[in-house]
N, C-alpha and C. Protein backbone atom coordinates (compact mmCIF):
# COMPACT_ATOMS: atom_id res chain seq x y z
N MET A 1 13.85 -2.04 -4.42
CA MET A 1 12.48 -2.11 -4.07
C MET A 1 12.30 -3.32 -3.35
N ASN A 2 11.82 -3.07 -1.95
CA ASN A 2 11.51 -4.22 -0.97
C ASN A 2 10.00 -4.93 -1.41
N GLN A 3 9.82 -6.17 -0.88
CA GLN A 3 8.86 -6.98 -1.35
C GLN A 3 7.62 -6.77 -0.24
N THR A 4 7.48 -5.58 0.46
CA THR A 4 6.40 -5.40 1.50
C THR A 4 5.32 -4.99 0.42
N ARG A 5 4.26 -4.81 1.11
CA ARG A 5 2.93 -4.34 0.44
C ARG A 5 3.29 -2.99 -0.10
N ARG A 6 2.74 -2.72 -1.37
CA ARG A 6 2.73 -1.20 -1.93
C ARG A 6 1.61 -0.49 -1.12
N LYS A 7 2.07 1.00 -0.84
CA LYS A 7 1.30 1.72 -0.01
C LYS A 7 0.74 2.67 -1.06
N VAL A 8 -0.75 2.55 -0.96
CA VAL A 8 -1.67 3.22 -2.06
C VAL A 8 -2.56 4.13 -1.33
N ILE A 9 -2.91 4.96 -2.15
CA ILE A 9 -4.02 6.04 -1.69
C ILE A 9 -5.15 6.04 -2.87
N LEU A 10 -6.40 5.51 -2.50
CA LEU A 10 -7.43 5.47 -3.51
C LEU A 10 -8.20 6.66 -3.69
N VAL A 11 -8.71 7.08 -4.81
CA VAL A 11 -9.40 8.32 -5.10
C VAL A 11 -10.53 7.91 -5.81
N THR A 12 -11.86 8.55 -5.49
CA THR A 12 -13.02 8.02 -6.19
C THR A 12 -13.45 9.20 -7.33
N ASP A 13 -12.23 9.66 -7.89
CA ASP A 13 -12.78 10.37 -9.33
C ASP A 13 -11.57 10.11 -10.36
N GLY A 14 -12.01 10.21 -11.53
CA GLY A 14 -10.95 10.05 -12.59
C GLY A 14 -11.06 10.90 -13.82
N ASP A 15 -11.68 12.16 -13.77
CA ASP A 15 -11.69 12.78 -14.94
C ASP A 15 -10.51 13.57 -15.10
N GLU A 16 -10.28 14.32 -16.19
CA GLU A 16 -9.14 15.14 -16.57
C GLU A 16 -8.60 16.05 -15.57
N TYR A 17 -9.56 16.82 -14.62
CA TYR A 17 -9.04 17.62 -13.56
C TYR A 17 -8.29 16.73 -12.60
N ALA A 18 -9.03 15.62 -12.25
CA ALA A 18 -8.47 14.85 -11.10
C ALA A 18 -7.08 14.25 -11.73
N LEU A 19 -7.01 13.82 -12.78
CA LEU A 19 -5.62 13.51 -13.19
C LEU A 19 -4.51 14.42 -13.24
N LYS A 20 -4.73 15.59 -13.80
CA LYS A 20 -3.81 16.61 -13.72
C LYS A 20 -3.45 16.96 -12.14
N THR A 21 -4.46 17.26 -11.42
CA THR A 21 -4.13 17.49 -9.95
C THR A 21 -3.60 16.46 -9.24
N LEU A 22 -3.99 15.09 -9.33
CA LEU A 22 -3.21 14.14 -8.50
C LEU A 22 -1.72 13.88 -9.02
N GLU A 23 -1.43 14.01 -10.29
CA GLU A 23 -0.23 13.97 -10.90
C GLU A 23 0.61 14.99 -10.12
N PHE A 24 0.13 16.16 -10.10
CA PHE A 24 0.82 17.24 -9.53
C PHE A 24 1.21 17.06 -8.04
N VAL A 25 0.17 16.57 -7.35
CA VAL A 25 0.26 16.30 -5.79
C VAL A 25 1.12 15.16 -5.63
N ALA A 26 1.11 14.30 -6.46
CA ALA A 26 2.18 12.96 -6.28
C ALA A 26 3.36 13.43 -6.32
N LYS A 27 3.70 14.25 -7.32
CA LYS A 27 4.96 14.77 -7.55
C LYS A 27 5.39 15.63 -6.43
N GLU A 28 4.50 16.40 -5.83
CA GLU A 28 4.76 17.20 -4.52
C GLU A 28 5.27 16.41 -3.45
N ILE A 29 4.53 15.06 -3.13
CA ILE A 29 4.84 14.40 -2.16
C ILE A 29 5.94 13.26 -2.46
N GLY A 30 6.61 13.28 -3.46
CA GLY A 30 7.43 12.28 -4.02
C GLY A 30 7.01 10.82 -4.15
N GLY A 31 5.61 10.87 -4.48
CA GLY A 31 5.09 9.71 -4.71
C GLY A 31 4.76 9.60 -6.32
N ARG A 32 3.85 8.86 -6.49
CA ARG A 32 3.42 8.69 -8.18
C ARG A 32 1.87 8.31 -8.21
N CYS A 33 1.37 8.93 -9.25
CA CYS A 33 -0.01 8.78 -9.68
C CYS A 33 0.06 7.88 -10.85
N ILE A 34 -0.88 6.79 -10.89
CA ILE A 34 -1.00 5.96 -12.02
C ILE A 34 -1.93 6.69 -12.90
N SER A 35 -1.42 7.32 -13.73
CA SER A 35 -2.05 7.99 -14.81
C SER A 35 -3.09 7.41 -15.77
N LYS A 36 -2.74 6.00 -15.95
CA LYS A 36 -3.67 5.15 -16.74
C LYS A 36 -4.72 4.66 -16.15
N SER A 37 -4.80 5.10 -14.71
CA SER A 37 -6.01 4.73 -14.04
C SER A 37 -7.10 5.79 -14.23
N GLN A 38 -6.72 6.71 -14.88
CA GLN A 38 -7.72 7.98 -15.33
C GLN A 38 -8.81 7.45 -16.32
N GLY A 39 -9.81 7.73 -16.00
CA GLY A 39 -10.95 7.43 -16.99
C GLY A 39 -12.32 7.89 -16.50
N ASN A 40 -13.18 8.10 -17.09
CA ASN A 40 -14.64 8.43 -16.69
C ASN A 40 -15.72 7.83 -17.58
N PRO A 41 -16.01 6.59 -17.34
CA PRO A 41 -15.70 5.58 -16.14
C PRO A 41 -14.32 5.02 -16.27
N THR A 42 -13.97 4.35 -15.14
CA THR A 42 -12.83 3.48 -15.30
C THR A 42 -12.75 2.36 -16.20
N THR A 43 -11.87 2.37 -17.23
CA THR A 43 -11.58 1.36 -18.06
C THR A 43 -10.68 0.17 -17.83
N LEU A 44 -9.70 0.27 -16.68
CA LEU A 44 -9.10 -0.92 -16.39
C LEU A 44 -9.54 -1.72 -15.50
N THR A 45 -9.18 -2.95 -15.45
CA THR A 45 -9.86 -3.97 -14.48
C THR A 45 -8.85 -3.88 -13.23
N GLY A 46 -9.28 -4.47 -11.96
CA GLY A 46 -8.51 -4.26 -10.89
C GLY A 46 -7.35 -4.92 -10.89
N SER A 47 -7.14 -6.04 -11.63
CA SER A 47 -5.82 -6.81 -11.71
C SER A 47 -4.89 -6.04 -12.78
N GLU A 48 -5.40 -5.24 -13.71
CA GLU A 48 -4.66 -4.44 -14.67
C GLU A 48 -3.87 -3.29 -13.75
N ILE A 49 -4.78 -2.63 -12.69
CA ILE A 49 -4.36 -1.67 -11.81
C ILE A 49 -3.18 -2.10 -11.05
N VAL A 50 -3.70 -3.26 -10.29
CA VAL A 50 -2.49 -3.82 -9.36
C VAL A 50 -1.16 -4.16 -10.14
N LYS A 51 -1.28 -4.57 -11.26
CA LYS A 51 0.13 -4.77 -12.07
C LYS A 51 0.86 -3.40 -12.16
N LEU A 52 0.05 -2.46 -12.51
CA LEU A 52 0.61 -1.00 -12.72
C LEU A 52 1.36 -0.56 -11.36
N ILE A 53 0.55 -0.75 -10.29
CA ILE A 53 0.95 -0.22 -8.87
C ILE A 53 2.28 -0.86 -8.57
N LEU A 54 2.25 -2.46 -8.76
CA LEU A 54 3.43 -2.99 -8.47
C LEU A 54 4.81 -2.67 -9.34
N GLN A 55 4.56 -2.03 -10.46
CA GLN A 55 5.59 -1.68 -11.37
C GLN A 55 6.03 -0.14 -11.03
N THR A 56 5.30 0.38 -10.00
CA THR A 56 5.64 1.78 -10.12
C THR A 56 6.78 2.01 -9.15
N PRO A 57 7.86 2.75 -9.40
CA PRO A 57 9.05 2.77 -8.67
C PRO A 57 8.77 3.48 -7.20
N ASN A 58 7.97 4.55 -7.12
CA ASN A 58 7.74 5.53 -5.85
C ASN A 58 6.49 5.10 -5.30
N GLU A 59 6.70 5.56 -3.86
CA GLU A 59 5.39 5.52 -3.09
C GLU A 59 5.30 6.68 -2.17
N PRO A 60 4.20 7.05 -1.91
CA PRO A 60 2.79 6.39 -1.93
C PRO A 60 2.27 6.45 -3.37
N VAL A 61 1.35 5.46 -3.84
CA VAL A 61 0.87 5.41 -5.21
C VAL A 61 -0.64 5.94 -5.21
N ILE A 62 -0.75 6.88 -6.00
CA ILE A 62 -2.08 7.45 -5.87
C ILE A 62 -2.90 6.81 -7.09
N VAL A 63 -4.13 6.20 -6.96
CA VAL A 63 -4.94 5.55 -8.06
C VAL A 63 -6.55 5.96 -7.96
N MET A 64 -6.91 6.27 -9.21
CA MET A 64 -8.24 6.90 -9.31
C MET A 64 -9.18 5.94 -9.80
N PHE A 65 -10.52 6.01 -9.62
CA PHE A 65 -11.65 5.02 -9.84
C PHE A 65 -12.55 5.86 -9.99
N ASP A 66 -13.41 5.71 -11.18
CA ASP A 66 -14.60 6.34 -11.37
C ASP A 66 -15.66 5.58 -11.98
N ASP A 67 -16.93 5.82 -11.61
CA ASP A 67 -18.06 5.12 -12.14
C ASP A 67 -18.87 6.00 -13.02
N SER A 68 -18.49 7.18 -13.34
CA SER A 68 -19.37 8.10 -14.02
C SER A 68 -20.67 8.26 -13.98
N GLY A 69 -21.36 8.21 -12.63
CA GLY A 69 -22.51 8.34 -12.40
C GLY A 69 -23.40 7.16 -12.58
N TYR A 70 -22.73 5.87 -12.97
CA TYR A 70 -23.43 4.58 -12.95
C TYR A 70 -23.88 4.41 -11.69
N LEU A 71 -25.38 3.90 -11.36
CA LEU A 71 -25.79 3.51 -9.97
C LEU A 71 -25.52 2.29 -9.90
N GLY A 72 -25.32 1.82 -8.57
CA GLY A 72 -24.70 0.46 -8.21
C GLY A 72 -23.38 0.33 -8.25
N GLU A 73 -23.00 -0.96 -8.28
CA GLU A 73 -21.69 -1.11 -8.58
C GLU A 73 -21.24 -1.06 -9.99
N GLY A 74 -20.52 -0.08 -10.47
CA GLY A 74 -19.87 0.16 -11.65
C GLY A 74 -18.41 -0.47 -11.74
N ALA A 75 -17.86 -0.44 -13.11
CA ALA A 75 -16.60 -0.78 -13.09
C ALA A 75 -15.38 -0.05 -12.23
N GLY A 76 -15.73 1.02 -12.15
CA GLY A 76 -14.71 1.93 -10.99
C GLY A 76 -14.77 1.22 -9.59
N GLU A 77 -16.10 0.74 -9.06
CA GLU A 77 -16.13 0.27 -7.81
C GLU A 77 -15.50 -1.12 -7.90
N ARG A 78 -15.80 -1.95 -8.66
CA ARG A 78 -15.28 -3.17 -9.10
C ARG A 78 -13.82 -3.24 -8.74
N ALA A 79 -13.14 -2.45 -9.53
CA ALA A 79 -11.71 -2.37 -9.70
C ALA A 79 -11.10 -1.85 -8.31
N LEU A 80 -11.90 -0.76 -7.66
CA LEU A 80 -11.54 -0.21 -6.57
C LEU A 80 -11.56 -1.37 -5.37
N LYS A 81 -12.41 -2.21 -5.26
CA LYS A 81 -12.60 -3.28 -4.54
C LYS A 81 -11.42 -4.24 -4.46
N TYR A 82 -11.25 -4.52 -5.73
CA TYR A 82 -10.06 -5.58 -6.02
C TYR A 82 -8.96 -4.98 -5.70
N VAL A 83 -8.50 -3.80 -5.87
CA VAL A 83 -7.36 -3.24 -5.59
C VAL A 83 -7.14 -3.26 -4.00
N ALA A 84 -8.15 -2.72 -3.38
CA ALA A 84 -8.11 -2.45 -1.85
C ALA A 84 -8.09 -3.79 -0.93
N ASN A 85 -8.42 -5.06 -1.57
CA ASN A 85 -8.47 -6.29 -1.04
C ASN A 85 -7.14 -7.15 -1.58
N HIS A 86 -6.41 -6.68 -2.35
CA HIS A 86 -5.42 -7.38 -2.88
C HIS A 86 -4.32 -7.49 -1.89
N HIS A 87 -3.63 -8.86 -1.78
CA HIS A 87 -2.56 -9.13 -0.67
C HIS A 87 -1.42 -8.33 -0.72
N GLN A 88 -1.14 -7.89 -1.92
CA GLN A 88 0.20 -6.87 -2.13
C GLN A 88 0.08 -5.58 -2.02
N ILE A 89 -1.20 -5.10 -1.75
CA ILE A 89 -1.47 -3.47 -1.55
C ILE A 89 -1.99 -3.48 -0.20
N GLU A 90 -1.50 -2.20 0.27
CA GLU A 90 -1.64 -1.68 1.50
C GLU A 90 -2.41 -0.27 1.33
N VAL A 91 -3.73 -0.16 1.77
CA VAL A 91 -4.50 1.14 1.43
C VAL A 91 -4.00 1.90 2.71
N LEU A 92 -3.35 3.28 2.36
CA LEU A 92 -3.34 4.17 3.63
C LEU A 92 -4.41 5.14 3.61
N GLY A 93 -5.26 5.04 2.82
CA GLY A 93 -6.54 5.83 2.80
C GLY A 93 -7.23 6.25 1.75
N VAL A 94 -8.45 6.68 1.77
CA VAL A 94 -9.26 6.92 0.62
C VAL A 94 -9.71 8.40 0.59
N ILE A 95 -9.75 8.95 -0.68
CA ILE A 95 -10.25 10.19 -0.87
C ILE A 95 -11.52 10.06 -1.56
N ALA A 96 -12.78 10.21 -0.86
CA ALA A 96 -14.00 10.16 -1.24
C ALA A 96 -14.50 11.47 -2.03
N VAL A 97 -14.72 11.38 -3.20
CA VAL A 97 -15.01 12.82 -3.87
C VAL A 97 -16.49 13.02 -4.00
N ALA A 98 -17.05 14.06 -3.70
CA ALA A 98 -18.65 14.44 -3.76
C ALA A 98 -18.91 14.44 -5.10
N SER A 99 -20.16 14.09 -5.42
CA SER A 99 -20.57 14.47 -6.87
C SER A 99 -22.12 14.76 -6.72
N LYS A 100 -22.76 14.90 -7.73
CA LYS A 100 -24.21 15.52 -7.66
C LYS A 100 -25.26 14.26 -7.42
N THR A 101 -24.49 13.00 -7.45
CA THR A 101 -25.52 11.85 -7.10
C THR A 101 -25.97 12.04 -5.73
N HIS A 102 -27.13 12.71 -5.40
CA HIS A 102 -27.72 12.87 -4.13
C HIS A 102 -28.85 12.01 -3.61
N GLN A 103 -28.44 11.53 -2.42
CA GLN A 103 -29.63 10.52 -1.79
C GLN A 103 -29.65 9.28 -2.52
N ILE A 104 -28.60 8.90 -3.18
CA ILE A 104 -28.60 7.62 -3.90
C ILE A 104 -27.36 6.81 -3.37
N GLU A 105 -26.12 7.19 -3.71
CA GLU A 105 -25.03 6.42 -3.22
C GLU A 105 -24.29 7.56 -2.26
N TRP A 106 -23.97 6.85 -1.15
CA TRP A 106 -23.24 7.75 -0.19
C TRP A 106 -22.29 6.70 0.49
N ALA A 107 -21.56 7.27 1.26
CA ALA A 107 -20.68 6.55 2.03
C ALA A 107 -20.17 7.14 3.36
N LYS A 108 -19.80 6.66 4.44
CA LYS A 108 -19.46 7.32 5.71
C LYS A 108 -17.96 7.73 5.47
N VAL A 109 -17.55 8.93 6.06
CA VAL A 109 -16.42 9.55 5.85
C VAL A 109 -15.99 9.78 7.22
N ASP A 110 -14.68 9.48 7.49
CA ASP A 110 -14.02 9.82 8.95
C ASP A 110 -13.93 11.34 9.17
N ILE A 111 -13.55 12.11 8.09
CA ILE A 111 -13.61 13.64 8.14
C ILE A 111 -13.67 14.12 6.60
N SER A 112 -14.02 15.44 6.58
CA SER A 112 -14.12 16.06 5.29
C SER A 112 -12.96 17.33 5.36
N ILE A 113 -12.74 17.91 4.26
CA ILE A 113 -12.13 19.11 4.12
C ILE A 113 -13.00 20.01 3.00
N ASP A 114 -13.49 21.16 3.53
CA ASP A 114 -14.24 21.94 2.82
C ASP A 114 -13.31 22.74 1.80
N ARG A 115 -14.07 23.55 1.05
CA ARG A 115 -13.18 24.32 -0.02
C ARG A 115 -12.49 25.30 0.53
N TYR A 116 -12.48 25.60 1.74
CA TYR A 116 -11.53 26.54 2.10
C TYR A 116 -10.57 26.03 2.99
N GLY A 117 -10.53 24.65 3.02
CA GLY A 117 -9.25 23.88 3.85
C GLY A 117 -9.52 23.49 5.17
N GLU A 118 -10.77 23.75 5.45
CA GLU A 118 -11.14 23.51 6.94
C GLU A 118 -11.47 22.05 7.18
N LEU A 119 -11.20 21.45 8.32
CA LEU A 119 -11.89 20.03 8.56
C LEU A 119 -12.93 20.12 9.06
N THR A 120 -13.87 19.34 8.75
CA THR A 120 -15.16 19.18 9.29
C THR A 120 -15.76 17.83 9.48
N ALA A 121 -16.39 17.72 10.45
CA ALA A 121 -17.02 16.29 10.67
C ALA A 121 -18.33 15.98 9.71
N GLN A 122 -18.71 17.12 9.06
CA GLN A 122 -19.71 16.99 7.98
C GLN A 122 -19.20 16.52 6.73
N GLY A 123 -20.35 16.01 6.10
CA GLY A 123 -19.92 15.71 4.56
C GLY A 123 -19.80 17.02 3.69
N VAL A 124 -19.21 17.11 2.75
CA VAL A 124 -19.33 18.11 1.95
C VAL A 124 -20.04 17.81 0.36
N ASP A 125 -20.11 18.87 -0.38
CA ASP A 125 -20.91 18.47 -1.59
C ASP A 125 -19.67 18.68 -2.73
N LYS A 126 -20.29 18.64 -3.83
CA LYS A 126 -19.25 18.73 -5.00
C LYS A 126 -18.54 20.01 -4.94
N SER A 127 -19.22 21.07 -4.53
CA SER A 127 -18.48 22.52 -4.70
C SER A 127 -17.47 22.48 -3.38
N GLY A 128 -17.56 21.45 -2.41
CA GLY A 128 -16.76 21.53 -1.35
C GLY A 128 -17.42 22.43 -0.13
N ILE A 129 -18.70 22.78 -0.14
CA ILE A 129 -19.38 23.30 1.03
C ILE A 129 -19.99 22.32 1.86
N ALA A 130 -19.52 22.58 3.25
CA ALA A 130 -20.22 21.48 4.16
C ALA A 130 -21.77 21.32 4.19
N GLU A 131 -22.22 19.98 4.36
CA GLU A 131 -23.30 19.66 4.35
C GLU A 131 -23.78 19.46 5.57
N TYR A 132 -25.28 19.17 5.70
CA TYR A 132 -25.77 19.01 7.23
C TYR A 132 -25.62 17.62 7.77
N GLU A 133 -25.32 16.50 6.75
CA GLU A 133 -25.19 15.18 7.25
C GLU A 133 -23.75 15.05 8.13
N LEU A 134 -23.50 14.34 8.99
CA LEU A 134 -22.47 14.28 9.78
C LEU A 134 -21.88 13.05 9.22
N GLY A 135 -20.54 13.13 8.88
CA GLY A 135 -19.61 11.88 8.51
C GLY A 135 -20.13 11.07 7.25
N ARG A 136 -20.76 12.00 6.47
CA ARG A 136 -21.35 11.33 5.07
C ARG A 136 -21.16 11.80 4.03
N ILE A 137 -20.87 11.26 2.85
CA ILE A 137 -20.70 12.06 1.57
C ILE A 137 -21.46 11.46 0.50
N ASN A 138 -22.09 12.30 -0.40
CA ASN A 138 -22.71 11.70 -1.62
C ASN A 138 -21.68 11.69 -2.88
N GLY A 139 -21.66 10.48 -3.54
CA GLY A 139 -20.86 10.48 -4.62
C GLY A 139 -21.41 9.23 -5.60
N ASP A 140 -20.41 9.19 -6.78
CA ASP A 140 -20.96 8.09 -7.71
C ASP A 140 -19.93 6.90 -7.86
N THR A 141 -18.89 6.79 -6.99
CA THR A 141 -17.97 5.88 -6.93
C THR A 141 -17.69 5.56 -5.28
N VAL A 142 -18.78 5.64 -4.40
CA VAL A 142 -18.41 5.51 -3.16
C VAL A 142 -19.15 4.53 -2.43
N TYR A 143 -20.11 3.83 -3.12
CA TYR A 143 -21.13 2.90 -2.68
C TYR A 143 -20.40 1.86 -1.79
N CYS A 144 -19.26 1.30 -2.34
CA CYS A 144 -18.59 0.30 -1.78
C CYS A 144 -17.54 0.43 -0.49
N LEU A 145 -17.42 1.88 -0.41
CA LEU A 145 -16.36 2.29 0.67
C LEU A 145 -16.52 1.73 2.08
N ASP A 146 -18.02 1.67 2.33
CA ASP A 146 -18.34 1.16 3.85
C ASP A 146 -17.88 -0.31 3.89
N GLU A 147 -17.74 -1.03 2.83
CA GLU A 147 -17.38 -2.45 2.89
C GLU A 147 -15.85 -2.63 3.08
N LEU A 148 -15.12 -1.63 2.82
CA LEU A 148 -13.52 -1.75 2.89
C LEU A 148 -12.99 -1.65 4.36
N ASN A 149 -12.07 -2.18 4.62
CA ASN A 149 -11.10 -1.98 5.97
C ASN A 149 -9.98 -1.12 5.70
N VAL A 150 -10.29 0.15 5.73
CA VAL A 150 -9.15 1.00 5.57
C VAL A 150 -9.10 1.94 6.64
N PRO A 151 -7.57 2.58 6.77
CA PRO A 151 -7.64 3.48 7.90
C PRO A 151 -8.38 4.59 8.17
N ILE A 152 -8.39 5.64 7.09
CA ILE A 152 -9.29 6.66 6.93
C ILE A 152 -9.83 6.92 5.62
N ILE A 153 -11.08 7.50 5.56
CA ILE A 153 -11.61 7.99 4.55
C ILE A 153 -11.89 9.49 4.72
N VAL A 154 -11.35 10.34 3.63
CA VAL A 154 -11.44 11.83 3.57
C VAL A 154 -12.30 12.21 2.64
N GLY A 155 -13.33 13.01 2.92
CA GLY A 155 -14.31 13.58 1.83
C GLY A 155 -13.87 14.82 1.46
N ILE A 156 -14.16 15.06 0.18
CA ILE A 156 -13.70 16.32 -0.50
C ILE A 156 -14.67 16.56 -1.62
N GLY A 157 -14.72 17.86 -1.95
CA GLY A 157 -15.56 18.40 -3.23
C GLY A 157 -14.72 17.77 -4.32
N ASP A 158 -15.17 18.22 -5.64
CA ASP A 158 -14.73 17.83 -6.90
C ASP A 158 -13.19 18.44 -7.07
N ILE A 159 -12.35 17.27 -7.32
CA ILE A 159 -10.79 17.62 -7.17
C ILE A 159 -10.66 18.64 -8.42
N GLY A 160 -9.61 19.50 -7.98
CA GLY A 160 -9.09 20.37 -9.08
C GLY A 160 -10.17 21.67 -9.28
N LYS A 161 -11.43 21.50 -8.77
CA LYS A 161 -12.34 22.53 -8.98
C LYS A 161 -12.86 23.21 -7.90
N MET A 162 -14.02 22.96 -7.17
CA MET A 162 -14.42 23.71 -6.06
C MET A 162 -14.39 25.28 -6.09
N ALA A 163 -15.15 25.81 -7.12
CA ALA A 163 -15.00 27.10 -7.35
C ALA A 163 -13.59 27.66 -7.35
N ARG A 164 -12.81 26.93 -8.08
CA ARG A 164 -11.34 27.41 -8.25
C ARG A 164 -10.53 27.27 -6.99
N LYS A 165 -11.21 26.90 -5.88
CA LYS A 165 -10.41 26.95 -4.71
C LYS A 165 -9.24 25.82 -4.51
N ASP A 166 -9.43 24.69 -5.57
CA ASP A 166 -8.55 23.64 -5.69
C ASP A 166 -7.98 23.57 -6.85
N ASN A 167 -7.88 24.76 -7.72
CA ASN A 167 -7.24 24.93 -9.01
C ASN A 167 -5.80 24.64 -8.98
N LEU A 168 -5.39 24.05 -9.80
CA LEU A 168 -3.99 23.60 -10.07
C LEU A 168 -2.94 24.83 -10.10
N LYS A 169 -3.54 25.99 -10.66
CA LYS A 169 -2.73 27.45 -10.34
C LYS A 169 -2.56 27.81 -8.98
N ASN A 170 -3.44 27.49 -8.20
CA ASN A 170 -3.25 27.49 -6.70
C ASN A 170 -2.59 26.68 -5.88
N GLY A 171 -2.09 25.50 -6.75
CA GLY A 171 -1.35 24.27 -5.96
C GLY A 171 -2.34 23.42 -5.44
N SER A 172 -3.54 23.35 -5.70
CA SER A 172 -4.54 22.31 -5.42
C SER A 172 -4.56 22.07 -4.02
N PRO A 173 -4.64 23.28 -3.24
CA PRO A 173 -4.38 23.01 -1.54
C PRO A 173 -5.39 21.92 -1.11
N ILE A 174 -6.55 21.91 -1.46
CA ILE A 174 -7.54 21.04 -0.82
C ILE A 174 -7.15 19.44 -0.97
N THR A 175 -6.92 19.11 -2.38
CA THR A 175 -6.45 17.73 -2.66
C THR A 175 -5.00 17.40 -1.84
N LYS A 176 -4.34 18.38 -1.92
CA LYS A 176 -2.92 18.29 -1.28
C LYS A 176 -3.10 18.01 0.32
N LYS A 177 -4.04 18.75 0.92
CA LYS A 177 -4.28 18.57 2.28
C LYS A 177 -5.08 17.12 2.54
N ALA A 178 -5.84 16.87 1.79
CA ALA A 178 -6.35 15.54 1.95
C ALA A 178 -5.42 14.35 1.75
N VAL A 179 -4.43 14.25 0.92
CA VAL A 179 -3.47 13.42 0.76
C VAL A 179 -2.45 13.54 2.15
N SER A 180 -2.19 14.80 2.45
CA SER A 180 -1.42 14.83 3.58
C SER A 180 -1.80 14.40 4.82
N LEU A 181 -3.22 14.59 4.82
CA LEU A 181 -4.08 14.07 6.00
C LEU A 181 -3.83 12.64 6.06
N ILE A 182 -4.11 11.98 4.98
CA ILE A 182 -3.96 10.45 5.01
C ILE A 182 -2.67 9.99 5.24
N LEU A 183 -1.63 10.57 4.78
CA LEU A 183 -0.18 10.18 5.11
C LEU A 183 0.17 10.42 6.71
N GLU A 184 -0.40 11.43 7.07
CA GLU A 184 -0.16 11.49 8.59
C GLU A 184 -0.82 10.63 9.39
N ARG A 185 -2.03 10.67 9.14
CA ARG A 185 -3.05 9.55 9.92
C ARG A 185 -2.53 8.20 9.86
N SER A 186 -2.16 7.78 8.71
CA SER A 186 -1.68 6.35 8.46
C SER A 186 -0.21 6.14 9.05
N GLY A 187 0.37 7.15 9.76
CA GLY A 187 1.74 7.05 10.08
C GLY A 187 2.75 6.76 8.98
N TYR A 188 2.38 7.08 7.78
CA TYR A 188 3.46 7.00 6.69
C TYR A 188 4.61 7.89 6.82
N ASN A 189 5.74 7.35 6.70
CA ASN A 189 6.74 8.18 6.87
C ASN A 189 7.57 8.46 5.63
N ARG A 190 7.88 9.68 5.25
CA ARG A 190 8.62 10.03 4.15
C ARG A 190 9.39 11.34 4.44
N THR A 191 10.50 11.08 4.11
CA THR A 191 11.30 12.79 4.24
C THR A 191 11.26 13.22 2.88
N LYS A 192 10.66 14.37 2.70
CA LYS A 192 10.61 15.06 1.41
C LYS A 192 10.65 16.45 1.61
């Protein structure tokens, strides 16, 4: 393993559905999901998560963060900011997951993927339905995303759900497409 910065995808969701879906997608792309980052809310600190990322043999590394609806900066956002700004981490992109937190916490997104797998300039809601707002998503762990210098932020609905359109039995196509889009736009090269 070389000493270059570890390539990471940050995800603003940490429930059981997200865990199972992201583990599946990571395996599909030859990467790794930090399963211990699962939690609703996030229980690990940013420095604990960085240690786990640095020990992971495969890249890209997918990491989950969740504030569990906490308004303002919660544990998930504090950990996310720490990881994103760490000198040994290279963030390839962020998957911003919509939640029911309307008009309270939102972030700009570069692009969204609706529950039908279509790219849209609009934000999407928890169910993966395109909203009226252009380039904006409502969620509970997205408040700090505008402060980060990351190549791309992709908005999607609730991972592993979206009216069963992202169900693991269907191969979680929406989440997989979001990860693939991040890898493509970041120029990440992997033969798999």
